[in-house]
Amino acid sequence: MKEFINSLTGTRMFVADGREEEYKKAGHRPADIPEPEPPAPDAGSAPEASETDTGAARAAEEEKTETEPAAPAPAKSAAAPKRKAAAKK
């Protein structure tokens, strides 16, 4: 049995020796291969925001407000009781 890491959940699972290739093709990776680490940022330079970055952030924010669900419809009020007929004189 070989240990793999599930590509969907990130959990560890054991796979029969004859099915290793099947699981690799499905996107799961062997547990003995370390996960690649993102490159460390340079200590002397801070990442700079470009105009396209801020524009994209602004557009994403606008889109977010447009896709928010509308306020729920007001609940129906109970029907008003029927009035009694005017008394005859």
PDB file of N, CA and C in Angstrom:
ATOM      1  N   MET A   1       0.852  -1.179   0.000  1.00  0.00           N
ATOM      2  CA  MET A   1       0.000   0.000   0.000  1.00  0.00           C
ATOM      3  C   MET A   1       0.896   1.239   0.000  1.00  0.00           C
ATOM      4  N   LYS A   2       0.443   2.223  -0.745  1.00  0.00           N
ATOM      5  CA  LYS A   2       1.162   3.497  -0.827  1.00  0.00           C
ATOM      6  C   LYS A   2       0.270   4.585  -0.266  1.00  0.00           C
ATOM      7  N   GLU A   3       0.907   5.582   0.328  1.00  0.00           N
ATOM      8  CA  GLU A   3       0.155   6.694   0.905  1.00  0.00           C
ATOM      9  C   GLU A   3       0.095   7.842  -0.103  1.00  0.00           C
ATOM     10  N   PHE A   4      -1.124   8.336  -0.345  1.00  0.00           N
ATOM     11  CA  PHE A   4      -1.355   9.447  -1.258  1.00  0.00           C
ATOM     12  C   PHE A   4      -2.084  10.554  -0.532  1.00  0.00           C
ATOM     13  N   ILE A   5      -2.033  11.758  -1.102  1.00  0.00           N
ATOM     14  CA  ILE A   5      -2.785  12.889  -0.564  1.00  0.00           C
ATOM     15  C   ILE A   5      -3.890  13.203  -1.564  1.00  0.00           C
ATOM     16  N   ASN A   6      -5.117  13.186  -1.091  1.00  0.00           N
ATOM     17  CA  ASN A   6      -6.281  13.428  -1.927  1.00  0.00           C
ATOM     18  C   ASN A   6      -6.235  14.847  -2.458  1.00  0.00           C
ATOM     19  N   SER A   7      -6.404  15.015  -3.775  1.00  0.00           N
ATOM     20  CA  SER A   7      -6.295  16.343  -4.387  1.00  0.00           C
ATOM     21  C   SER A   7      -7.483  17.231  -4.059  1.00  0.00           C
ATOM     22  N   LEU A   8      -8.624  16.652  -3.698  1.00  0.00           N
ATOM     23  CA  LEU A   8      -9.809  17.453  -3.392  1.00  0.00           C
ATOM     24  C   LEU A   8      -9.861  17.884  -1.931  1.00  0.00           C
ATOM     25  N   THR A   9      -9.561  16.957  -1.033  1.00  0.00           N
ATOM     26  CA  THR A   9      -9.723  17.245   0.390  1.00  0.00           C
ATOM     27  C   THR A   9      -8.414  17.509   1.117  1.00  0.00           C
ATOM     28  N   GLY A  10      -7.290  17.074   0.524  1.00  0.00           N
ATOM     29  CA  GLY A  10      -5.999  17.268   1.178  1.00  0.00           C
ATOM     30  C   GLY A  10      -5.719  16.238   2.262  1.00  0.00           C
ATOM     31  N   THR A  11      -6.600  15.236   2.396  1.00  0.00           N
ATOM     32  CA  THR A  11      -6.403  14.215   3.420  1.00  0.00           C
ATOM     33  C   THR A  11      -5.535  13.091   2.878  1.00  0.00           C
ATOM     34  N   ARG A  12      -4.942  12.373   3.793  1.00  0.00           N
ATOM     35  CA  ARG A  12      -4.098  11.248   3.407  1.00  0.00           C
ATOM     36  C   ARG A  12      -4.962  10.005   3.218  1.00  0.00           C
ATOM     37  N   MET A  13      -4.560   9.167   2.237  1.00  0.00           N
ATOM     38  CA  MET A  13      -5.286   7.921   1.975  1.00  0.00           C
ATOM     39  C   MET A  13      -4.291   6.866   1.534  1.00  0.00           C
ATOM     40  N   PHE A  14      -4.664   5.625   1.704  1.00  0.00           N
ATOM     41  CA  PHE A  14      -3.812   4.527   1.300  1.00  0.00           C
ATOM     42  C   PHE A  14      -4.369   3.902   0.032  1.00  0.00           C
ATOM     43  N   VAL A  15      -3.451   3.620  -0.920  1.00  0.00           N
ATOM     44  CA  VAL A  15      -3.828   3.108  -2.228  1.00  0.00           C
ATOM     45  C   VAL A  15      -3.093   1.789  -2.456  1.00  0.00           C
ATOM     46  N   ALA A  16      -3.810   0.829  -3.032  1.00  0.00           N
ATOM     47  CA  ALA A  16      -3.197  -0.464  -3.350  1.00  0.00           C
ATOM     48  C   ALA A  16      -2.078  -0.262  -4.364  1.00  0.00           C
ATOM     49  N   ASP A  17      -1.029  -1.092  -4.281  1.00  0.00           N
ATOM     50  CA  ASP A  17       0.133  -0.939  -5.147  1.00  0.00           C
ATOM     51  C   ASP A  17      -0.243  -0.970  -6.629  1.00  0.00           C
ATOM     52  N   GLY A  18      -1.192  -1.786  -7.034  1.00  0.00           N
ATOM     53  CA  GLY A  18      -1.569  -1.903  -8.432  1.00  0.00           C
ATOM     54  C   GLY A  18      -2.372  -0.724  -8.955  1.00  0.00           C
ATOM     55  N   ARG A  19      -2.810   0.175  -8.101  1.00  0.00           N
ATOM     56  CA  ARG A  19      -3.668   1.287  -8.528  1.00  0.00           C
ATOM     57  C   ARG A  19      -2.993   2.649  -8.422  1.00  0.00           C
ATOM     58  N   GLU A  20      -1.674   2.661  -8.202  1.00  0.00           N
ATOM     59  CA  GLU A  20      -0.939   3.921  -8.045  1.00  0.00           C
ATOM     60  C   GLU A  20      -1.097   4.829  -9.262  1.00  0.00           C
ATOM     61  N   GLU A  21      -0.890   4.299 -10.461  1.00  0.00           N
ATOM     62  CA  GLU A  21      -0.970   5.116 -11.672  1.00  0.00           C
ATOM     63  C   GLU A  21      -2.357   5.708 -11.857  1.00  0.00           C
ATOM     64  N   GLU A  22      -3.382   4.938 -11.533  1.00  0.00           N
ATOM     65  CA  GLU A  22      -4.763   5.414 -11.651  1.00  0.00           C
ATOM     66  C   GLU A  22      -4.985   6.645 -10.768  1.00  0.00           C
ATOM     67  N   TYR A  23      -4.464   6.603  -9.554  1.00  0.00           N
ATOM     68  CA  TYR A  23      -4.643   7.723  -8.634  1.00  0.00           C
ATOM     69  C   TYR A  23      -3.794   8.922  -9.047  1.00  0.00           C
ATOM     70  N   LYS A  24      -2.611   8.688  -9.600  1.00  0.00           N
ATOM     71  CA  LYS A  24      -1.778   9.792 -10.079  1.00  0.00           C
ATOM     72  C   LYS A  24      -2.471  10.502 -11.239  1.00  0.00           C
ATOM     73  N   LYS A  25      -3.080   9.738 -12.153  1.00  0.00           N
ATOM     74  CA  LYS A  25      -3.784  10.324 -13.290  1.00  0.00           C
ATOM     75  C   LYS A  25      -4.995  11.131 -12.827  1.00  0.00           C
ATOM     76  N   ALA A  26      -5.588  10.739 -11.708  1.00  0.00           N
ATOM     77  CA  ALA A  26      -6.751  11.450 -11.172  1.00  0.00           C
ATOM     78  C   ALA A  26      -6.349  12.744 -10.458  1.00  0.00           C
ATOM     79  N   GLY A  27      -5.046  12.996 -10.312  1.00  0.00           N
ATOM     80  CA  GLY A  27      -4.599  14.252  -9.721  1.00  0.00           C
ATOM     81  C   GLY A  27      -4.133  14.145  -8.282  1.00  0.00           C
ATOM     82  N   HIS A  28      -4.224  12.962  -7.695  1.00  0.00           N
ATOM     83  CA  HIS A  28      -3.742  12.788  -6.322  1.00  0.00           C
ATOM     84  C   HIS A  28      -2.218  12.661  -6.376  1.00  0.00           C
ATOM     85  N   ARG A  29      -1.556  13.043  -5.302  1.00  0.00           N
ATOM     86  CA  ARG A  29      -0.094  12.961  -5.323  1.00  0.00           C
ATOM     87  C   ARG A  29       0.403  12.080  -4.189  1.00  0.00           C
ATOM     88  N   PRO A  30       1.513  11.393  -4.437  1.00  0.00           N
ATOM     89  CA  PRO A  30       2.090  10.557  -3.381  1.00  0.00           C
ATOM     90  C   PRO A  30       2.475  11.403  -2.168  1.00  0.00           C
ATOM     91  N   ALA A  31       2.305  10.854  -0.990  1.00  0.00           N
ATOM     92  CA  ALA A  31       2.582  11.608   0.230  1.00  0.00           C
ATOM     93  C   ALA A  31       4.073  11.806   0.463  1.00  0.00           C
ATOM     94  N   ASP A  32       4.909  10.972  -0.140  1.00  0.00           N
ATOM     95  CA  ASP A  32       6.345  11.113   0.081  1.00  0.00           C
ATOM     96  C   ASP A  32       6.953  12.244  -0.746  1.00  0.00           C
ATOM     97  N   ILE A  33       6.192  12.829  -1.673  1.00  0.00           N
ATOM     98  CA  ILE A  33       6.670  13.982  -2.436  1.00  0.00           C
ATOM     99  C   ILE A  33       6.213  15.236  -1.702  1.00  0.00           C
ATOM    100  N   PRO A  34       7.153  16.076  -1.244  1.00  0.00           N
ATOM    101  CA  PRO A  34       6.749  17.280  -0.494  1.00  0.00           C
ATOM    102  C   PRO A  34       6.011  18.263  -1.388  1.00  0.00           C
ATOM    103  N   GLU A  35       5.132  19.016  -0.784  1.00  0.00           N
ATOM    104  CA  GLU A  35       4.365  20.034  -1.493  1.00  0.00           C
ATOM    105  C   GLU A  35       5.291  21.195  -1.832  1.00  0.00           C
ATOM    106  N   PRO A  36       5.207  21.722  -3.056  1.00  0.00           N
ATOM    107  CA  PRO A  36       6.087  22.840  -3.403  1.00  0.00           C
ATOM    108  C   PRO A  36       5.740  24.076  -2.589  1.00  0.00           C
ATOM    109  N   GLU A  37       6.779  24.763  -2.111  1.00  0.00           N
ATOM    110  CA  GLU A  37       6.577  25.963  -1.301  1.00  0.00           C
ATOM    111  C   GLU A  37       6.613  27.187  -2.209  1.00  0.00           C
ATOM    112  N   PRO A  38       5.777  28.187  -1.930  1.00  0.00           N
ATOM    113  CA  PRO A  38       5.827  29.401  -2.745  1.00  0.00           C
ATOM    114  C   PRO A  38       7.145  30.120  -2.513  1.00  0.00           C
ATOM    115  N   PRO A  39       7.646  30.829  -3.524  1.00  0.00           N
ATOM    116  CA  PRO A  39       8.910  31.533  -3.350  1.00  0.00           C
ATOM    117  C   PRO A  39       8.779  32.629  -2.292  1.00  0.00           C
ATOM    118  N   ALA A  40       9.824  32.773  -1.495  1.00  0.00           N
ATOM    119  CA  ALA A  40       9.822  33.789  -0.441  1.00  0.00           C
ATOM    120  C   ALA A  40      10.012  35.163  -1.068  1.00  0.00           C
ATOM    121  N   PRO A  41       9.270  36.169  -0.591  1.00  0.00           N
ATOM    122  CA  PRO A  41       9.456  37.524  -1.122  1.00  0.00           C
ATOM    123  C   PRO A  41      10.808  38.074  -0.691  1.00  0.00           C
ATOM    124  N   ASP A  42      11.345  38.983  -1.515  1.00  0.00           N
ATOM    125  CA  ASP A  42      12.613  39.617  -1.172  1.00  0.00           C
ATOM    126  C   ASP A  42      12.436  40.441   0.090  1.00  0.00           C
ATOM    127  N   ALA A  43      13.411  40.362   0.988  1.00  0.00           N
ATOM    128  CA  ALA A  43      13.319  41.085   2.254  1.00  0.00           C
ATOM    129  C   ALA A  43      13.420  42.593   2.050  1.00  0.00           C
ATOM    130  N   GLY A  44      14.148  43.050   1.013  1.00  0.00           N
ATOM    131  CA  GLY A  44      14.370  44.474   0.819  1.00  0.00           C
ATOM    132  C   GLY A  44      13.293  45.180   0.015  1.00  0.00           C
ATOM    133  N   SER A  45      12.448  44.454  -0.652  1.00  0.00           N
ATOM    134  CA  SER A  45      11.451  45.132  -1.485  1.00  0.00           C
ATOM    135  C   SER A  45      10.051  44.661  -1.121  1.00  0.00           C
ATOM    136  N   ALA A  46       9.153  45.616  -1.106  1.00  0.00           N
ATOM    137  CA  ALA A  46       7.752  45.298  -0.849  1.00  0.00           C
ATOM    138  C   ALA A  46       7.039  45.200  -2.186  1.00  0.00           C
ATOM    139  N   PRO A  47       6.039  44.340  -2.297  1.00  0.00           N
ATOM    140  CA  PRO A  47       5.328  44.253  -3.574  1.00  0.00           C
ATOM    141  C   PRO A  47       4.597  45.556  -3.872  1.00  0.00           C
ATOM    142  N   GLU A  48       4.696  45.993  -5.116  1.00  0.00           N
ATOM    143  CA  GLU A  48       4.062  47.248  -5.510  1.00  0.00           C
ATOM    144  C   GLU A  48       2.745  46.952  -6.200  1.00  0.00           C
ATOM    145  N   ALA A  49       1.743  47.767  -5.896  1.00  0.00           N
ATOM    146  CA  ALA A  49       0.445  47.624  -6.549  1.00  0.00           C
ATOM    147  C   ALA A  49       0.443  48.477  -7.802  1.00  0.00           C
ATOM    148  N   SER A  50       0.082  47.881  -8.914  1.00  0.00           N
ATOM    149  CA  SER A  50       0.004  48.646 -10.152  1.00  0.00           C
ATOM    150  C   SER A  50      -1.414  49.135 -10.345  1.00  0.00           C
ATOM    151  N   GLU A  51      -1.607  49.995 -11.347  1.00  0.00           N
ATOM    152  CA  GLU A  51      -2.945  50.525 -11.601  1.00  0.00           C
ATOM    153  C   GLU A  51      -3.905  49.416 -11.981  1.00  0.00           C
ATOM    154  N   THR A  52      -3.400  48.408 -12.696  1.00  0.00           N
ATOM    155  CA  THR A  52      -4.289  47.317 -13.097  1.00  0.00           C
ATOM    156  C   THR A  52      -4.722  46.505 -11.890  1.00  0.00           C
ATOM    157  N   ASP A  53      -3.836  46.373 -10.909  1.00  0.00           N
ATOM    158  CA  ASP A  53      -4.202  45.640  -9.693  1.00  0.00           C
ATOM    159  C   ASP A  53      -5.323  46.356  -8.960  1.00  0.00           C
ATOM    160  N   THR A  54      -5.177  47.659  -8.767  1.00  0.00           N
ATOM    161  CA  THR A  54      -6.202  48.396  -8.034  1.00  0.00           C
ATOM    162  C   THR A  54      -7.487  48.461  -8.836  1.00  0.00           C
ATOM    163  N   GLY A  55      -7.374  48.554 -10.152  1.00  0.00           N
ATOM    164  CA  GLY A  55      -8.561  48.561 -10.993  1.00  0.00           C
ATOM    165  C   GLY A  55      -9.294  47.231 -10.913  1.00  0.00           C
ATOM    166  N   ALA A  56      -8.539  46.148 -10.892  1.00  0.00           N
ATOM    167  CA  ALA A  56      -9.154  44.834 -10.785  1.00  0.00           C
ATOM    168  C   ALA A  56      -9.803  44.671  -9.420  1.00  0.00           C
ATOM    169  N   ALA A  57      -9.158  45.179  -8.390  1.00  0.00           N
ATOM    170  CA  ALA A  57      -9.728  45.083  -7.048  1.00  0.00           C
ATOM    171  C   ALA A  57     -11.015  45.894  -6.961  1.00  0.00           C
ATOM    172  N   ARG A  58     -10.997  47.084  -7.568  1.00  0.00           N
ATOM    173  CA  ARG A  58     -12.191  47.923  -7.573  1.00  0.00           C
ATOM    174  C   ARG A  58     -13.323  47.248  -8.337  1.00  0.00           C
ATOM    175  N   ALA A  59     -13.013  46.658  -9.475  1.00  0.00           N
ATOM    176  CA  ALA A  59     -14.026  45.979 -10.280  1.00  0.00           C
ATOM    177  C   ALA A  59     -14.592  44.782  -9.524  1.00  0.00           C
ATOM    178  N   ALA A  60     -13.736  44.059  -8.825  1.00  0.00           N
ATOM    179  CA  ALA A  60     -14.202  42.915  -8.044  1.00  0.00           C
ATOM    180  C   ALA A  60     -15.123  43.377  -6.924  1.00  0.00           C
ATOM    181  N   GLU A  61     -14.788  44.505  -6.303  1.00  0.00           N
ATOM    182  CA  GLU A  61     -15.620  45.033  -5.220  1.00  0.00           C
ATOM    183  C   GLU A  61     -16.981  45.466  -5.758  1.00  0.00           C
ATOM    184  N   GLU A  62     -16.983  46.123  -6.936  1.00  0.00           N
ATOM    185  CA  GLU A  62     -18.248  46.546  -7.529  1.00  0.00           C
ATOM    186  C   GLU A  62     -19.094  45.348  -7.896  1.00  0.00           C
ATOM    187  N   GLU A  63     -18.442  44.319  -8.445  1.00  0.00           N
ATOM    188  CA  GLU A  63     -19.180  43.110  -8.829  1.00  0.00           C
ATOM    189  C   GLU A  63     -19.768  42.438  -7.597  1.00  0.00           C
ATOM    190  N   LYS A  64     -19.039  42.474  -6.513  1.00  0.00           N
ATOM    191  CA  LYS A  64     -19.506  41.860  -5.275  1.00  0.00           C
ATOM    192  C   LYS A  64     -20.786  42.536  -4.791  1.00  0.00           C
ATOM    193  N   THR A  65     -20.820  43.858  -4.869  1.00  0.00           N
ATOM    194  CA  THR A  65     -22.007  44.561  -4.395  1.00  0.00           C
ATOM    195  C   THR A  65     -23.179  44.319  -5.325  1.00  0.00           C
ATOM    196  N   GLU A  66     -22.920  44.106  -6.617  1.00  0.00           N
ATOM    197  CA  GLU A  66     -24.002  43.860  -7.560  1.00  0.00           C
ATOM    198  C   GLU A  66     -24.605  42.481  -7.377  1.00  0.00           C
ATOM    199  N   THR A  67     -23.810  41.522  -6.957  1.00  0.00           N
ATOM    200  CA  THR A  67     -24.304  40.157  -6.855  1.00  0.00           C
ATOM    201  C   THR A  67     -24.850  39.816  -5.475  1.00  0.00           C
ATOM    202  N   GLU A  68     -24.853  40.765  -4.562  1.00  0.00           N
ATOM    203  CA  GLU A  68     -25.403  40.482  -3.238  1.00  0.00           C
ATOM    204  C   GLU A  68     -26.894  40.222  -3.360  1.00  0.00           C
ATOM    205  N   PRO A  69     -27.421  39.297  -2.576  1.00  0.00           N
ATOM    206  CA  PRO A  69     -28.846  39.003  -2.681  1.00  0.00           C
ATOM    207  C   PRO A  69     -29.687  40.203  -2.255  1.00  0.00           C
ATOM    208  N   ALA A  70     -30.815  40.329  -2.903  1.00  0.00           N
ATOM    209  CA  ALA A  70     -31.724  41.427  -2.576  1.00  0.00           C
ATOM    210  C   ALA A  70     -32.332  41.186  -1.203  1.00  0.00           C
ATOM    211  N   ALA A  71     -32.841  42.245  -0.616  1.00  0.00           N
ATOM    212  CA  ALA A  71     -33.475  42.123   0.696  1.00  0.00           C
ATOM    213  C   ALA A  71     -34.682  41.201   0.567  1.00  0.00           C
ATOM    214  N   PRO A  72     -34.949  40.395   1.578  1.00  0.00           N
ATOM    215  CA  PRO A  72     -36.082  39.483   1.493  1.00  0.00           C
ATOM    216  C   PRO A  72     -37.390  40.260   1.372  1.00  0.00           C
ATOM    217  N   ALA A  73     -38.334  39.664   0.673  1.00  0.00           N
ATOM    218  CA  ALA A  73     -39.633  40.306   0.479  1.00  0.00           C
ATOM    219  C   ALA A  73     -40.334  40.430   1.824  1.00  0.00           C
ATOM    220  N   PRO A  74     -41.045  41.523   2.047  1.00  0.00           N
ATOM    221  CA  PRO A  74     -41.735  41.678   3.328  1.00  0.00           C
ATOM    222  C   PRO A  74     -42.789  40.576   3.480  1.00  0.00           C
ATOM    223  N   ALA A  75     -42.947  40.141   4.705  1.00  0.00           N
ATOM    224  CA  ALA A  75     -43.914  39.080   4.980  1.00  0.00           C
ATOM    225  C   ALA A  75     -45.327  39.628   4.787  1.00  0.00           C
ATOM    226  N   LYS A  76     -46.203  38.769   4.317  1.00  0.00           N
ATOM    227  CA  LYS A  76     -47.590  39.200   4.124  1.00  0.00           C
ATOM    228  C   LYS A  76     -48.227  39.425   5.484  1.00  0.00           C
ATOM    229  N   SER A  77     -48.938  40.510   5.581  1.00  0.00           N
ATOM    230  CA  SER A  77     -49.598  40.785   6.848  1.00  0.00           C
ATOM    231  C   SER A  77     -50.923  40.017   6.883  1.00  0.00           C
ATOM    232  N   ALA A  78     -51.385  39.770   8.066  1.00  0.00           N
ATOM    233  CA  ALA A  78     -52.647  39.050   8.213  1.00  0.00           C
ATOM    234  C   ALA A  78     -53.774  39.910   7.641  1.00  0.00           C
ATOM    235  N   ALA A  79     -54.745  39.263   7.064  1.00  0.00           N
ATOM    236  CA  ALA A  79     -55.863  39.994   6.472  1.00  0.00           C
ATOM    237  C   ALA A  79     -56.615  40.737   7.567  1.00  0.00           C
ATOM    238  N   ALA A  80     -57.033  41.955   7.247  1.00  0.00           N
ATOM    239  CA  ALA A  80     -57.788  42.750   8.231  1.00  0.00           C
ATOM    240  C   ALA A  80     -59.153  42.113   8.425  1.00  0.00           C
ATOM    241  N   PRO A  81     -59.641  42.115   9.658  1.00  0.00           N
ATOM    242  CA  PRO A  81     -60.962  41.507   9.892  1.00  0.00           C
ATOM    243  C   PRO A  81     -62.052  42.293   9.153  1.00  0.00           C
ATOM    244  N   LYS A  82     -63.040  41.579   8.684  1.00  0.00           N
ATOM    245  CA  LYS A  82     -64.125  42.224   7.948  1.00  0.00           C
ATOM    246  C   LYS A  82     -64.931  43.099   8.889  1.00  0.00           C
ATOM    247  N   ARG A  83     -65.401  44.228   8.362  1.00  0.00           N
ATOM    248  CA  ARG A  83     -66.194  45.150   9.170  1.00  0.00           C
ATOM    249  C   ARG A  83     -67.646  44.678   9.187  1.00  0.00           C
ATOM    250  N   LYS A  84     -68.247  44.938  10.297  1.00  0.00           N
ATOM    251  CA  LYS A  84     -69.666  44.577  10.411  1.00  0.00           C
ATOM    252  C   LYS A  84     -70.507  45.582   9.640  1.00  0.00           C
ATOM    253  N   ALA A  85     -71.599  45.133   9.140  1.00  0.00           N
ATOM    254  CA  ALA A  85     -72.491  46.030   8.397  1.00  0.00           C
ATOM    255  C   ALA A  85     -73.000  47.101   9.334  1.00  0.00           C
ATOM    256  N   ALA A  86     -73.242  48.285   8.814  1.00  0.00           N
ATOM    257  CA  ALA A  86     -73.727  49.397   9.619  1.00  0.00           C
ATOM    258  C   ALA A  86     -75.100  49.041  10.209  1.00  0.00           C
ATOM    259  N   ALA A  87     -75.273  49.401  11.420  1.00  0.00           N
ATOM    260  CA  ALA A  87     -76.539  49.086  12.104  1.00  0.00           C
ATOM    261  C   ALA A  87     -77.661  49.926  11.511  1.00  0.00           C
ATOM    262  N   LYS A  88     -78.832  49.309  11.350  1.00  0.00           N
ATOM    263  CA  LYS A  88     -79.982  50.048  10.820  1.00  0.00           C
ATOM    264  C   LYS A  88     -80.607  50.880  11.908  1.00  0.00           C
ATOM    265  N   LYS A  89     -81.142  52.049  11.567  1.00  0.00           N
ATOM    266  CA  LYS A  89     -81.775  52.917  12.546  1.00  0.00           C
ATOM    267  C   LYS A  89     -83.246  52.806  12.494  1.00  0.00           C
TER     268      LYS A  89
END
